[in-house]
Amino acid sequence: MSSPRFPVFAIVFAVVYTVAYLIAMEKNYALFTYHPALEEFGLLVERPKEGPAMYWYGWMATAGIVALVAGLVACFVPERVTKRLWSGWSWAVPVAVMFVLGYLLRGYFIR
């Protein structure tokens, strides 16, 4: 049995997560850094130590926290406002962000 507010949470979470991930990736707002050669984590963004540093996990955590907070805040918005929320945003925005990411990473595909 789910709450009647869950659809609002899910839509807002999906939209905000994808946009927050895009911003976190572009600006390198990683909550933590993973150093696979050393098998250790570091808080926030750290320079590579031995081998490459992985920021992807930190970007996902950053986006997840931002989206969780936004989704929880959206649950407290009055129902008369959230009735107008189109559920299609939960797939339209992620698809659009995929195209933006493809454009930003085009240098890796075209060499």
Protein backbone atom coordinates (compact mmCIF):
# COMPACT_ATOMS: atom_id res chain seq x y z
CA MET A 1 0.00 0.00 0.00
CA SER A 2 1.60 3.25 -1.10
CA SER A 3 0.96 6.82 -0.14
CA PRO A 4 -1.07 9.04 -2.48
CA ARG A 5 1.95 11.40 -2.41
CA PHE A 6 4.30 8.79 -3.88
CA PRO A 7 3.63 9.70 -7.54
CA VAL A 8 4.58 13.32 -6.78
CA PHE A 9 7.75 12.16 -5.02
CA ALA A 10 8.68 9.81 -7.89
CA ILE A 11 8.20 12.41 -10.62
CA VAL A 12 10.13 15.11 -8.78
CA PHE A 13 12.89 12.67 -7.80
CA ALA A 14 13.35 11.47 -11.40
CA VAL A 15 13.49 14.98 -12.81
CA VAL A 16 15.72 16.49 -10.13
CA TYR A 17 18.08 13.50 -10.04
CA THR A 18 18.88 13.70 -13.73
CA VAL A 19 19.39 17.47 -13.68
CA ALA A 20 21.44 17.33 -10.46
CA TYR A 21 23.58 14.53 -11.90
CA LEU A 22 24.26 16.60 -15.01
CA ILE A 23 25.30 19.60 -12.90
CA ALA A 24 27.37 17.46 -10.50
CA MET A 25 29.19 15.87 -13.42
CA GLU A 26 29.81 19.13 -15.26
CA LYS A 27 30.97 21.05 -12.17
CA ASN A 28 32.56 18.00 -10.45
CA TYR A 29 30.48 18.19 -7.28
CA ALA A 30 31.31 14.72 -6.03
CA LEU A 31 30.35 13.82 -2.47
CA PHE A 32 33.33 11.47 -2.37
CA THR A 33 36.13 10.14 -4.57
CA TYR A 34 37.07 6.50 -5.04
CA HIS A 35 40.68 5.52 -5.70
CA PRO A 36 40.46 2.00 -7.19
CA ALA A 37 44.21 1.30 -7.20
CA LEU A 38 44.33 1.94 -3.45
CA GLU A 39 40.81 0.66 -2.80
CA GLU A 40 39.97 3.69 -0.66
CA PHE A 41 37.43 6.48 -0.57
CA GLY A 42 38.10 10.14 0.08
CA LEU A 43 35.67 12.84 1.16
CA LEU A 44 34.62 15.29 -1.57
CA VAL A 45 36.77 15.75 -4.69
CA GLU A 46 40.36 14.59 -4.35
CA ARG A 47 43.19 14.56 -6.86
CA PRO A 48 44.20 11.16 -8.25
CA LYS A 49 46.73 9.40 -6.03
CA GLU A 50 47.97 6.16 -7.63
CA GLY A 51 46.13 5.67 -10.88
CA PRO A 52 42.90 7.37 -11.84
CA ALA A 53 40.33 8.69 -9.37
CA MET A 54 36.67 7.80 -9.85
CA TYR A 55 34.16 10.58 -9.23
CA TRP A 56 31.13 8.82 -10.71
CA TYR A 57 29.99 7.30 -7.42
CA GLY A 58 30.26 10.68 -5.73
CA TRP A 59 28.23 12.36 -8.48
CA MET A 60 25.50 9.75 -8.06
CA ALA A 61 25.44 10.25 -4.29
CA THR A 62 25.29 14.03 -4.68
CA ALA A 63 22.44 13.81 -7.17
CA GLY A 64 20.62 11.25 -5.01
CA ILE A 65 20.71 13.44 -1.90
CA VAL A 66 19.56 16.53 -3.83
CA ALA A 67 16.73 14.57 -5.47
CA LEU A 68 15.67 12.97 -2.18
CA VAL A 69 15.39 16.37 -0.50
CA ALA A 70 13.51 17.84 -3.48
CA GLY A 71 11.14 14.86 -3.59
CA LEU A 72 10.40 15.08 0.13
CA VAL A 73 9.78 18.83 -0.12
CA ALA A 74 7.43 18.21 -3.08
CA CYS A 75 5.38 15.85 -0.90
CA PHE A 76 4.41 18.83 1.25
CA VAL A 77 3.27 21.00 -1.65
CA PRO A 78 -0.53 21.39 -1.66
CA GLU A 79 -2.40 18.85 -3.77
CA ARG A 80 -4.08 21.53 -5.87
CA VAL A 81 -0.63 22.47 -7.17
CA THR A 82 0.68 18.92 -7.68
CA LYS A 83 -2.43 17.84 -9.61
CA ARG A 84 -1.06 19.81 -12.53
CA LEU A 85 2.25 17.89 -12.48
CA TRP A 86 2.62 15.92 -15.72
CA SER A 87 3.94 12.40 -15.14
CA GLY A 88 5.70 12.52 -18.51
CA TRP A 89 8.38 14.74 -17.00
CA SER A 90 9.77 11.62 -15.31
CA TRP A 91 10.87 10.27 -18.70
CA ALA A 92 11.08 13.41 -20.88
CA VAL A 93 13.71 15.16 -18.75
CA PRO A 94 16.01 12.10 -18.41
CA VAL A 95 15.87 11.55 -22.18
CA ALA A 96 16.72 15.20 -22.79
CA VAL A 97 19.60 14.99 -20.29
CA MET A 98 20.92 11.90 -22.11
CA PHE A 99 21.17 13.96 -25.30
CA VAL A 100 22.93 16.77 -23.42
CA LEU A 101 25.39 14.28 -21.89
CA GLY A 102 25.99 12.79 -25.33
CA TYR A 103 26.82 16.26 -26.62
CA LEU A 104 29.09 17.07 -23.68
CA LEU A 105 30.95 13.77 -24.04
CA ARG A 106 31.12 13.83 -27.84
CA GLY A 107 34.92 14.08 -27.69
CA TYR A 108 35.09 10.52 -26.34
CA PHE A 109 33.00 9.17 -29.21
CA ILE A 110 34.48 11.16 -32.11
CA ARG A 111 38.24 10.64 -32.34
